[in-house]
Amino acid sequence: MVSLLLDTPGTCAIAYAVVSNASITQILLISLVAFTLGSCASRPKRHVSIKNTPYTIGGVDYQPYSIAQSLGMVEEGIASWYGPDGWLGGSDITANGEVVTARSVSAAHKHLPLPCLIEVTNLRNGRRAKIRVNDRGPFIENRILDVSSRAAEILGFKTDGITDVRLRVLRVGD
């Protein structure tokens, strides 16, 4: 008789096999299940490094802010949004390697460390959203922020295309 008891403390399952008169096949099957379930302890962790190294776009050099400069920073200016097909040639991968979708609530900033969390206020209607900055841009004069299509919906300026915003840095890193 072979029985398999599963215990799930936290998110990982631990398997215990009680073996009595079991065949080799049953024991191997139990071992395979236990090994597979136990492997969840070594799941990859979320992106944790902070990217604030200098970069060049279109012949222009950019120097991102330090973490100390960024924390608590407040900036006002014009924000735009990019479409569901991405930006900068339709890329769906951000400057720090994250995948974005049409429903992602994310943004691009030329100088903030990546990633960081900002609170954005639409100064025309008062709507606010917490947005993850995970890309570089906008590389259009007089714009401080490019937000995703979904973020523009939340902030209420998708139809207008651009709006006046205030951003405040809440956190740098994950």
N, C-alpha and C. Protein backbone atom coordinates (compact mmCIF):
# COMPACT_ATOMS: atom_id res chain seq x y z
N MET A 1 0.85 -1.18 0.00
CA MET A 1 0.00 0.00 0.00
C MET A 1 0.89 1.24 0.00
N VAL A 2 0.53 2.21 -0.83
CA VAL A 2 1.27 3.45 -0.90
C VAL A 2 0.28 4.57 -0.68
N SER A 3 0.62 5.47 0.23
CA SER A 3 -0.23 6.65 0.40
C SER A 3 0.66 7.88 0.35
N LEU A 4 0.10 8.96 -0.15
CA LEU A 4 0.86 10.20 -0.31
C LEU A 4 0.13 11.28 0.46
N LEU A 5 0.80 11.86 1.41
CA LEU A 5 0.21 12.93 2.20
C LEU A 5 0.85 14.24 1.78
N LEU A 6 0.04 15.24 1.51
CA LEU A 6 0.57 16.54 1.11
C LEU A 6 0.31 17.55 2.21
N ASP A 7 1.34 18.28 2.54
CA ASP A 7 1.24 19.34 3.53
C ASP A 7 1.71 20.61 2.84
N THR A 8 0.97 21.71 2.95
CA THR A 8 1.34 22.92 2.22
C THR A 8 1.57 24.10 3.14
N PRO A 9 2.70 24.14 3.86
CA PRO A 9 3.01 25.33 4.63
C PRO A 9 3.50 26.42 3.68
N GLY A 10 2.92 27.60 3.76
CA GLY A 10 3.30 28.67 2.85
C GLY A 10 2.83 28.35 1.45
N THR A 11 3.74 28.35 0.50
CA THR A 11 3.36 28.09 -0.88
C THR A 11 3.94 26.81 -1.44
N CYS A 12 4.85 26.17 -0.72
CA CYS A 12 5.48 24.96 -1.24
C CYS A 12 4.84 23.74 -0.62
N ALA A 13 4.69 22.73 -1.42
CA ALA A 13 4.13 21.48 -0.92
C ALA A 13 5.26 20.54 -0.53
N ILE A 14 5.06 19.81 0.52
CA ILE A 14 6.03 18.81 0.95
C ILE A 14 5.32 17.47 0.90
N ALA A 15 5.92 16.50 0.26
CA ALA A 15 5.27 15.20 0.10
C ALA A 15 5.93 14.19 1.04
N TYR A 16 5.10 13.35 1.63
CA TYR A 16 5.57 12.27 2.49
C TYR A 16 4.98 10.97 1.95
N ALA A 17 5.77 9.99 1.80
CA ALA A 17 5.28 8.70 1.32
C ALA A 17 5.34 7.69 2.45
N VAL A 18 4.24 7.01 2.64
CA VAL A 18 4.20 5.92 3.60
C VAL A 18 4.17 4.65 2.77
N VAL A 19 5.25 3.90 2.82
CA VAL A 19 5.39 2.76 1.93
C VAL A 19 5.30 1.47 2.73
N SER A 20 4.42 0.59 2.26
CA SER A 20 4.28 -0.70 2.90
C SER A 20 3.91 -1.68 1.79
N ASN A 21 4.77 -2.63 1.52
CA ASN A 21 4.57 -3.60 0.45
C ASN A 21 4.38 -2.91 -0.91
N ALA A 22 5.12 -1.85 -1.16
CA ALA A 22 4.98 -1.12 -2.41
C ALA A 22 5.94 -1.66 -3.46
N SER A 23 5.53 -1.54 -4.70
CA SER A 23 6.39 -1.97 -5.81
C SER A 23 7.44 -0.89 -6.07
N ILE A 24 8.47 -1.24 -6.80
CA ILE A 24 9.51 -0.29 -7.19
C ILE A 24 8.90 0.86 -7.98
N THR A 25 7.98 0.55 -8.87
CA THR A 25 7.33 1.57 -9.69
C THR A 25 6.60 2.58 -8.82
N GLN A 26 5.89 2.09 -7.82
CA GLN A 26 5.17 2.99 -6.92
C GLN A 26 6.13 3.86 -6.12
N ILE A 27 7.22 3.28 -5.66
CA ILE A 27 8.20 4.04 -4.89
C ILE A 27 8.84 5.10 -5.78
N LEU A 28 9.19 4.75 -7.02
CA LEU A 28 9.78 5.72 -7.94
C LEU A 28 8.78 6.84 -8.25
N LEU A 29 7.53 6.47 -8.42
CA LEU A 29 6.51 7.48 -8.69
C LEU A 29 6.38 8.45 -7.51
N ILE A 30 6.35 7.91 -6.31
CA ILE A 30 6.27 8.74 -5.10
C ILE A 30 7.50 9.65 -5.01
N SER A 31 8.67 9.10 -5.31
CA SER A 31 9.91 9.89 -5.25
C SER A 31 9.88 11.01 -6.27
N LEU A 32 9.39 10.73 -7.48
CA LEU A 32 9.29 11.73 -8.52
C LEU A 32 8.34 12.86 -8.12
N VAL A 33 7.20 12.51 -7.56
CA VAL A 33 6.24 13.52 -7.10
C VAL A 33 6.84 14.36 -5.99
N ALA A 34 7.49 13.72 -5.03
CA ALA A 34 8.10 14.45 -3.92
C ALA A 34 9.19 15.40 -4.42
N PHE A 35 10.02 14.93 -5.35
CA PHE A 35 11.08 15.77 -5.90
C PHE A 35 10.50 16.97 -6.65
N THR A 36 9.47 16.73 -7.46
CA THR A 36 8.85 17.80 -8.22
C THR A 36 8.22 18.84 -7.31
N LEU A 37 7.50 18.40 -6.30
CA LEU A 37 6.87 19.34 -5.37
C LEU A 37 7.91 20.08 -4.53
N GLY A 38 8.98 19.39 -4.17
CA GLY A 38 10.01 20.02 -3.35
C GLY A 38 10.83 21.05 -4.11
N SER A 39 10.83 20.98 -5.43
CA SER A 39 11.63 21.92 -6.21
C SER A 39 11.07 23.33 -6.18
N CYS A 40 9.86 23.51 -5.68
CA CYS A 40 9.30 24.86 -5.64
C CYS A 40 10.05 25.75 -4.65
N ALA A 41 10.86 25.19 -3.81
CA ALA A 41 11.62 26.00 -2.85
C ALA A 41 12.68 26.84 -3.53
N SER A 42 13.04 26.50 -4.75
CA SER A 42 14.09 27.25 -5.43
C SER A 42 13.53 28.05 -6.61
N ARG A 43 12.33 28.60 -6.47
CA ARG A 43 11.74 29.43 -7.52
C ARG A 43 12.57 30.67 -7.76
N PRO A 44 12.62 31.14 -9.02
CA PRO A 44 13.36 32.39 -9.27
C PRO A 44 12.68 33.56 -8.59
N LYS A 45 13.47 34.45 -8.08
CA LYS A 45 12.95 35.62 -7.41
C LYS A 45 12.69 36.73 -8.42
N ARG A 46 11.86 37.67 -8.03
CA ARG A 46 11.54 38.80 -8.88
C ARG A 46 12.78 39.68 -9.08
N HIS A 47 12.79 40.41 -10.17
CA HIS A 47 13.89 41.31 -10.50
C HIS A 47 14.19 42.23 -9.31
N VAL A 48 15.44 42.25 -8.83
CA VAL A 48 15.76 43.05 -7.66
C VAL A 48 16.86 44.08 -7.87
N SER A 49 17.58 44.02 -8.97
CA SER A 49 18.65 44.99 -9.16
C SER A 49 18.09 46.34 -9.59
N ILE A 50 18.81 47.39 -9.30
CA ILE A 50 18.39 48.75 -9.65
C ILE A 50 19.28 49.23 -10.78
N LYS A 51 18.64 49.73 -11.83
CA LYS A 51 19.37 50.18 -13.00
C LYS A 51 19.38 51.70 -13.02
N ASN A 52 20.56 52.28 -12.83
CA ASN A 52 20.69 53.74 -12.95
C ASN A 52 22.03 54.11 -13.60
N THR A 53 22.41 53.30 -14.58
CA THR A 53 23.65 53.57 -15.31
C THR A 53 23.40 54.52 -16.47
N PRO A 54 24.39 55.32 -16.85
CA PRO A 54 24.23 56.25 -17.97
C PRO A 54 23.92 55.49 -19.27
N TYR A 55 23.21 56.16 -20.18
CA TYR A 55 22.87 55.56 -21.46
C TYR A 55 22.77 56.66 -22.52
N THR A 56 22.76 56.26 -23.78
CA THR A 56 22.69 57.20 -24.90
C THR A 56 21.56 56.79 -25.83
N ILE A 57 20.71 57.74 -26.20
CA ILE A 57 19.62 57.51 -27.16
C ILE A 57 19.68 58.64 -28.17
N GLY A 58 19.73 58.28 -29.43
CA GLY A 58 19.74 59.29 -30.49
C GLY A 58 20.87 60.28 -30.37
N GLY A 59 22.03 59.84 -29.89
CA GLY A 59 23.18 60.71 -29.76
C GLY A 59 23.16 61.60 -28.53
N VAL A 60 22.14 61.47 -27.69
CA VAL A 60 22.04 62.26 -26.46
C VAL A 60 22.39 61.37 -25.27
N ASP A 61 23.29 61.86 -24.41
CA ASP A 61 23.68 61.12 -23.21
C ASP A 61 22.75 61.47 -22.06
N TYR A 62 22.34 60.44 -21.31
CA TYR A 62 21.47 60.62 -20.15
C TYR A 62 22.15 60.04 -18.92
N GLN A 63 22.05 60.75 -17.81
CA GLN A 63 22.59 60.29 -16.53
C GLN A 63 21.42 60.14 -15.56
N PRO A 64 20.99 58.90 -15.28
CA PRO A 64 19.89 58.70 -14.32
C PRO A 64 20.26 59.20 -12.93
N TYR A 65 19.24 59.57 -12.18
CA TYR A 65 19.41 60.05 -10.81
C TYR A 65 19.88 58.92 -9.91
N SER A 66 20.55 59.29 -8.83
CA SER A 66 20.92 58.31 -7.82
C SER A 66 19.67 57.94 -7.02
N ILE A 67 19.77 56.89 -6.25
CA ILE A 67 18.64 56.48 -5.40
C ILE A 67 18.32 57.60 -4.42
N ALA A 68 19.36 58.19 -3.81
CA ALA A 68 19.15 59.27 -2.84
C ALA A 68 18.47 60.48 -3.48
N GLN A 69 18.85 60.83 -4.70
CA GLN A 69 18.22 61.96 -5.40
C GLN A 69 16.75 61.66 -5.71
N SER A 70 16.44 60.41 -5.96
CA SER A 70 15.11 60.03 -6.41
C SER A 70 14.09 59.91 -5.30
N LEU A 71 14.49 59.38 -4.15
CA LEU A 71 13.53 59.12 -3.08
C LEU A 71 12.81 60.39 -2.65
N GLY A 72 11.49 60.38 -2.73
CA GLY A 72 10.68 61.53 -2.34
C GLY A 72 10.63 62.64 -3.37
N MET A 73 11.32 62.47 -4.49
CA MET A 73 11.35 63.51 -5.52
C MET A 73 9.95 63.80 -6.05
N VAL A 74 9.69 65.07 -6.33
CA VAL A 74 8.43 65.50 -6.94
C VAL A 74 8.78 66.26 -8.21
N GLU A 75 8.05 65.97 -9.30
CA GLU A 75 8.30 66.61 -10.58
C GLU A 75 6.96 66.87 -11.26
N GLU A 76 6.84 68.02 -11.91
CA GLU A 76 5.63 68.34 -12.66
C GLU A 76 5.99 68.58 -14.11
N GLY A 77 5.08 68.18 -15.00
CA GLY A 77 5.31 68.37 -16.43
C GLY A 77 4.23 67.67 -17.24
N ILE A 78 4.56 67.40 -18.49
CA ILE A 78 3.61 66.80 -19.41
C ILE A 78 3.88 65.29 -19.52
N ALA A 79 2.78 64.53 -19.45
CA ALA A 79 2.85 63.08 -19.66
C ALA A 79 2.09 62.72 -20.92
N SER A 80 2.57 61.69 -21.58
CA SER A 80 1.89 61.13 -22.74
C SER A 80 1.71 59.64 -22.48
N TRP A 81 1.09 58.95 -23.41
CA TRP A 81 0.97 57.50 -23.24
C TRP A 81 1.35 56.79 -24.53
N TYR A 82 1.79 55.54 -24.37
CA TYR A 82 2.18 54.74 -25.52
C TYR A 82 1.16 53.63 -25.70
N GLY A 83 1.01 53.17 -26.92
CA GLY A 83 -0.03 52.20 -27.25
C GLY A 83 0.29 50.78 -26.85
N PRO A 84 -0.68 49.90 -27.05
CA PRO A 84 -0.53 48.50 -26.65
C PRO A 84 0.54 47.76 -27.45
N ASP A 85 0.96 48.32 -28.58
CA ASP A 85 2.02 47.68 -29.36
C ASP A 85 3.41 48.08 -28.88
N GLY A 86 3.47 48.76 -27.75
CA GLY A 86 4.76 49.16 -27.20
C GLY A 86 5.18 50.51 -27.73
N TRP A 87 6.44 50.80 -27.59
CA TRP A 87 7.01 52.08 -27.99
C TRP A 87 8.42 51.83 -28.48
N LEU A 88 9.05 52.83 -29.00
CA LEU A 88 10.41 52.67 -29.54
C LEU A 88 10.49 51.49 -30.49
N GLY A 89 9.64 51.51 -31.50
CA GLY A 89 9.70 50.45 -32.51
C GLY A 89 8.86 49.23 -32.17
N GLY A 90 7.94 49.35 -31.23
CA GLY A 90 7.03 48.25 -30.94
C GLY A 90 7.56 47.22 -29.97
N SER A 91 8.59 47.54 -29.22
CA SER A 91 9.16 46.59 -28.27
C SER A 91 8.22 46.34 -27.10
N ASP A 92 8.17 45.10 -26.65
CA ASP A 92 7.38 44.76 -25.47
C ASP A 92 8.27 44.44 -24.28
N ILE A 93 9.55 44.71 -24.40
CA ILE A 93 10.52 44.50 -23.32
C ILE A 93 11.02 45.87 -22.88
N THR A 94 10.98 46.11 -21.57
CA THR A 94 11.39 47.41 -21.05
C THR A 94 12.91 47.49 -20.91
N ALA A 95 13.39 48.67 -20.58
CA ALA A 95 14.84 48.90 -20.43
C ALA A 95 15.46 48.04 -19.34
N ASN A 96 14.67 47.63 -18.35
CA ASN A 96 15.23 46.76 -17.32
C ASN A 96 14.82 45.30 -17.50
N GLY A 97 14.34 44.95 -18.72
CA GLY A 97 14.10 43.56 -19.06
C GLY A 97 12.74 43.00 -18.71
N GLU A 98 11.82 43.82 -18.26
CA GLU A 98 10.49 43.33 -17.92
C GLU A 98 9.61 43.28 -19.17
N VAL A 99 8.68 42.35 -19.17
CA VAL A 99 7.72 42.24 -20.26
C VAL A 99 6.51 43.08 -19.91
N VAL A 100 6.05 43.88 -20.88
CA VAL A 100 4.84 44.68 -20.67
C VAL A 100 3.74 44.18 -21.59
N THR A 101 2.51 44.35 -21.15
CA THR A 101 1.34 43.99 -21.94
C THR A 101 0.46 45.22 -22.07
N ALA A 102 -0.59 45.09 -22.85
CA ALA A 102 -1.53 46.20 -23.03
C ALA A 102 -2.19 46.59 -21.71
N ARG A 103 -2.25 45.69 -20.76
CA ARG A 103 -2.91 45.97 -19.48
C ARG A 103 -1.94 46.34 -18.36
N SER A 104 -0.66 46.40 -18.65
CA SER A 104 0.32 46.77 -17.63
C SER A 104 0.13 48.23 -17.21
N VAL A 105 0.31 48.47 -15.93
CA VAL A 105 0.29 49.85 -15.41
C VAL A 105 1.75 50.20 -15.15
N SER A 106 2.36 50.79 -16.19
CA SER A 106 3.79 51.07 -16.10
C SER A 106 4.10 52.38 -16.81
N ALA A 107 5.37 52.80 -16.65
CA ALA A 107 5.76 54.09 -17.23
C ALA A 107 7.23 54.10 -17.60
N ALA A 108 7.58 55.12 -18.39
CA ALA A 108 8.96 55.35 -18.79
C ALA A 108 9.36 56.75 -18.34
N HIS A 109 10.57 56.87 -17.81
CA HIS A 109 11.11 58.15 -17.36
C HIS A 109 12.58 58.18 -17.77
N LYS A 110 13.07 59.33 -18.17
CA LYS A 110 14.46 59.43 -18.65
C LYS A 110 15.50 59.29 -17.54
N HIS A 111 15.16 59.69 -16.31
CA HIS A 111 16.20 59.81 -15.29
C HIS A 111 15.99 59.00 -14.01
N LEU A 112 14.81 58.49 -13.75
CA LEU A 112 14.58 57.75 -12.50
C LEU A 112 15.25 56.38 -12.56
N PRO A 113 15.75 55.89 -11.42
CA PRO A 113 16.30 54.53 -11.38
C PRO A 113 15.20 53.53 -11.70
N LEU A 114 15.58 52.42 -12.31
CA LEU A 114 14.63 51.38 -12.66
C LEU A 114 14.86 50.15 -11.81
N PRO A 115 13.81 49.52 -11.29
CA PRO A 115 12.44 50.02 -11.27
C PRO A 115 12.22 50.95 -10.10
N CYS A 116 11.15 51.71 -10.17
CA CYS A 116 10.71 52.49 -9.02
C CYS A 116 9.19 52.63 -9.07
N LEU A 117 8.62 52.97 -7.96
CA LEU A 117 7.17 53.15 -7.86
C LEU A 117 6.90 54.63 -7.64
N ILE A 118 6.01 55.18 -8.47
CA ILE A 118 5.67 56.59 -8.36
C ILE A 118 4.17 56.74 -8.21
N GLU A 119 3.77 57.84 -7.60
CA GLU A 119 2.36 58.22 -7.59
C GLU A 119 2.23 59.35 -8.60
N VAL A 120 1.32 59.18 -9.55
CA VAL A 120 1.11 60.18 -10.58
C VAL A 120 -0.26 60.80 -10.38
N THR A 121 -0.31 62.12 -10.38
CA THR A 121 -1.58 62.85 -10.29
C THR A 121 -1.80 63.60 -11.59
N ASN A 122 -2.96 63.38 -12.19
CA ASN A 122 -3.35 64.14 -13.38
C ASN A 122 -3.84 65.49 -12.87
N LEU A 123 -3.11 66.55 -13.18
CA LEU A 123 -3.43 67.88 -12.65
C LEU A 123 -4.68 68.49 -13.29
N ARG A 124 -5.15 67.91 -14.38
CA ARG A 124 -6.36 68.43 -15.04
C ARG A 124 -7.65 67.88 -14.44
N ASN A 125 -7.58 66.66 -13.86
CA ASN A 125 -8.82 66.08 -13.30
C ASN A 125 -8.66 65.54 -11.88
N GLY A 126 -7.45 65.55 -11.34
CA GLY A 126 -7.23 65.10 -9.96
C GLY A 126 -7.07 63.60 -9.78
N ARG A 127 -7.22 62.82 -10.83
CA ARG A 127 -7.07 61.37 -10.70
C ARG A 127 -5.63 61.01 -10.39
N ARG A 128 -5.48 59.94 -9.57
CA ARG A 128 -4.15 59.49 -9.16
C ARG A 128 -3.99 58.01 -9.42
N ALA A 129 -2.74 57.59 -9.60
CA ALA A 129 -2.43 56.17 -9.75
C ALA A 129 -1.00 55.92 -9.29
N LYS A 130 -0.79 54.73 -8.72
CA LYS A 130 0.56 54.27 -8.41
C LYS A 130 1.03 53.48 -9.62
N ILE A 131 2.19 53.86 -10.14
CA ILE A 131 2.67 53.30 -11.40
C ILE A 131 4.12 52.85 -11.26
N ARG A 132 4.43 51.72 -11.84
CA ARG A 132 5.79 51.18 -11.84
C ARG A 132 6.56 51.76 -13.01
N VAL A 133 7.67 52.43 -12.73
CA VAL A 133 8.55 52.94 -13.78
C VAL A 133 9.57 51.84 -14.07
N ASN A 134 9.53 51.33 -15.32
CA ASN A 134 10.42 50.23 -15.67
C ASN A 134 11.05 50.40 -17.06
N ASP A 135 10.96 51.63 -17.59
CA ASP A 135 11.53 51.86 -18.92
C ASP A 135 12.05 53.28 -19.04
N ARG A 136 12.76 53.53 -20.13
CA ARG A 136 13.33 54.84 -20.43
C ARG A 136 12.49 55.58 -21.46
N GLY A 137 12.37 56.88 -21.30
CA GLY A 137 11.62 57.74 -22.20
C GLY A 137 10.84 58.74 -21.38
N PRO A 138 10.02 59.53 -21.94
CA PRO A 138 9.83 59.73 -23.37
C PRO A 138 10.97 60.58 -23.95
N PHE A 139 11.31 60.32 -25.17
CA PHE A 139 12.38 61.05 -25.82
C PHE A 139 11.81 62.10 -26.77
N ILE A 140 10.80 62.78 -26.27
CA ILE A 140 10.14 63.88 -26.98
C ILE A 140 10.29 65.11 -26.10
N GLU A 141 10.70 66.20 -26.68
CA GLU A 141 10.96 67.43 -25.93
C GLU A 141 9.75 67.84 -25.09
N ASN A 142 10.02 68.33 -23.90
CA ASN A 142 9.03 68.87 -22.96
C ASN A 142 8.12 67.82 -22.32
N ARG A 143 8.42 66.55 -22.45
CA ARG A 143 7.62 65.52 -21.78
C ARG A 143 8.47 64.85 -20.71
N ILE A 144 7.85 64.62 -19.54
CA ILE A 144 8.60 64.01 -18.44
C ILE A 144 8.27 62.55 -18.23
N LEU A 145 7.13 62.09 -18.75
CA LEU A 145 6.67 60.74 -18.44
C LEU A 145 5.88 60.19 -19.61
N ASP A 146 6.10 58.92 -19.90
CA ASP A 146 5.31 58.16 -20.86
C ASP A 146 4.66 57.04 -20.06
N VAL A 147 3.34 56.97 -20.07
CA VAL A 147 2.66 55.91 -19.31
C VAL A 147 2.03 54.92 -20.28
N SER A 148 1.75 53.74 -19.77
CA SER A 148 1.10 52.72 -20.58
C SER A 148 -0.34 53.11 -20.88
N SER A 149 -0.91 52.43 -21.85
CA SER A 149 -2.29 52.66 -22.25
C SER A 149 -3.23 52.51 -21.05
N ARG A 150 -3.02 51.46 -20.26
CA ARG A 150 -3.87 51.22 -19.09
C ARG A 150 -3.71 52.33 -18.05
N ALA A 151 -2.50 52.80 -17.82
CA ALA A 151 -2.27 53.89 -16.87
C ALA A 151 -2.96 55.16 -17.34
N ALA A 152 -2.94 55.42 -18.66
CA ALA A 152 -3.62 56.60 -19.21
C ALA A 152 -5.14 56.51 -18.98
N GLU A 153 -5.68 55.29 -19.10
CA GLU A 153 -7.11 55.09 -18.81
C GLU A 153 -7.41 55.42 -17.36
N ILE A 154 -6.60 54.90 -16.45
CA ILE A 154 -6.81 55.12 -15.02
C ILE A 154 -6.72 56.61 -14.68
N LEU A 155 -5.75 57.28 -15.29
CA LEU A 155 -5.55 58.71 -15.02
C LEU A 155 -6.52 59.60 -15.81
N GLY A 156 -7.26 59.01 -16.73
CA GLY A 156 -8.31 59.74 -17.43
C GLY A 156 -7.84 60.67 -18.54
N PHE A 157 -6.75 60.31 -19.24
CA PHE A 157 -6.31 61.17 -20.34
C PHE A 157 -6.02 60.40 -21.63
N LYS A 158 -6.52 59.18 -21.73
CA LYS A 158 -6.24 58.39 -22.92
C LYS A 158 -6.77 59.06 -24.19
N THR A 159 -7.96 59.63 -24.13
CA THR A 159 -8.53 60.29 -25.31
C THR A 159 -7.73 61.54 -25.70
N ASP A 160 -7.29 62.30 -24.72
CA ASP A 160 -6.54 63.54 -24.98
C ASP A 160 -5.12 63.27 -25.47
N GLY A 161 -4.53 62.17 -25.05
CA GLY A 161 -3.17 61.82 -25.48
C GLY A 161 -2.07 62.35 -24.59
N ILE A 162 -2.22 63.55 -24.07
CA ILE A 162 -1.24 64.13 -23.14
C ILE A 162 -2.00 64.84 -22.02
N THR A 163 -1.31 65.07 -20.92
CA THR A 163 -1.90 65.82 -19.81
C THR A 163 -0.79 66.37 -18.92
N ASP A 164 -1.15 67.28 -18.04
CA ASP A 164 -0.22 67.81 -17.04
C ASP A 164 -0.27 66.90 -15.83
N VAL A 165 0.90 66.52 -15.33
CA VAL A 165 0.97 65.61 -14.19
C VAL A 165 1.95 66.09 -13.14
N ARG A 166 1.76 65.55 -11.97
CA ARG A 166 2.75 65.65 -10.88
C ARG A 166 3.11 64.22 -10.52
N LEU A 167 4.40 63.92 -10.49
CA LEU A 167 4.81 62.59 -10.04
C LEU A 167 5.61 62.73 -8.76
N ARG A 168 5.43 61.74 -7.92
CA ARG A 168 6.16 61.69 -6.64
C ARG A 168 6.72 60.28 -6.51
N VAL A 169 8.02 60.18 -6.25
CA VAL A 169 8.66 58.87 -6.11
C VAL A 169 8.34 58.30 -4.73
N LEU A 170 7.76 57.12 -4.71
CA LEU A 170 7.40 56.45 -3.46
C LEU A 170 8.46 55.45 -3.01
N ARG A 171 9.07 54.75 -3.99
CA ARG A 171 10.02 53.69 -3.64
C ARG A 171 10.93 53.44 -4.83
N VAL A 172 12.17 53.11 -4.55
CA VAL A 172 13.12 52.70 -5.58
C VAL A 172 13.44 51.22 -5.34
N GLY A 173 13.40 50.42 -6.40
CA GLY A 173 13.62 48.98 -6.29
C GLY A 173 12.32 48.26 -6.01
N ASP A 174 12.41 46.93 -5.94
CA ASP A 174 11.20 46.11 -5.71
C ASP A 174 10.86 45.99 -4.25
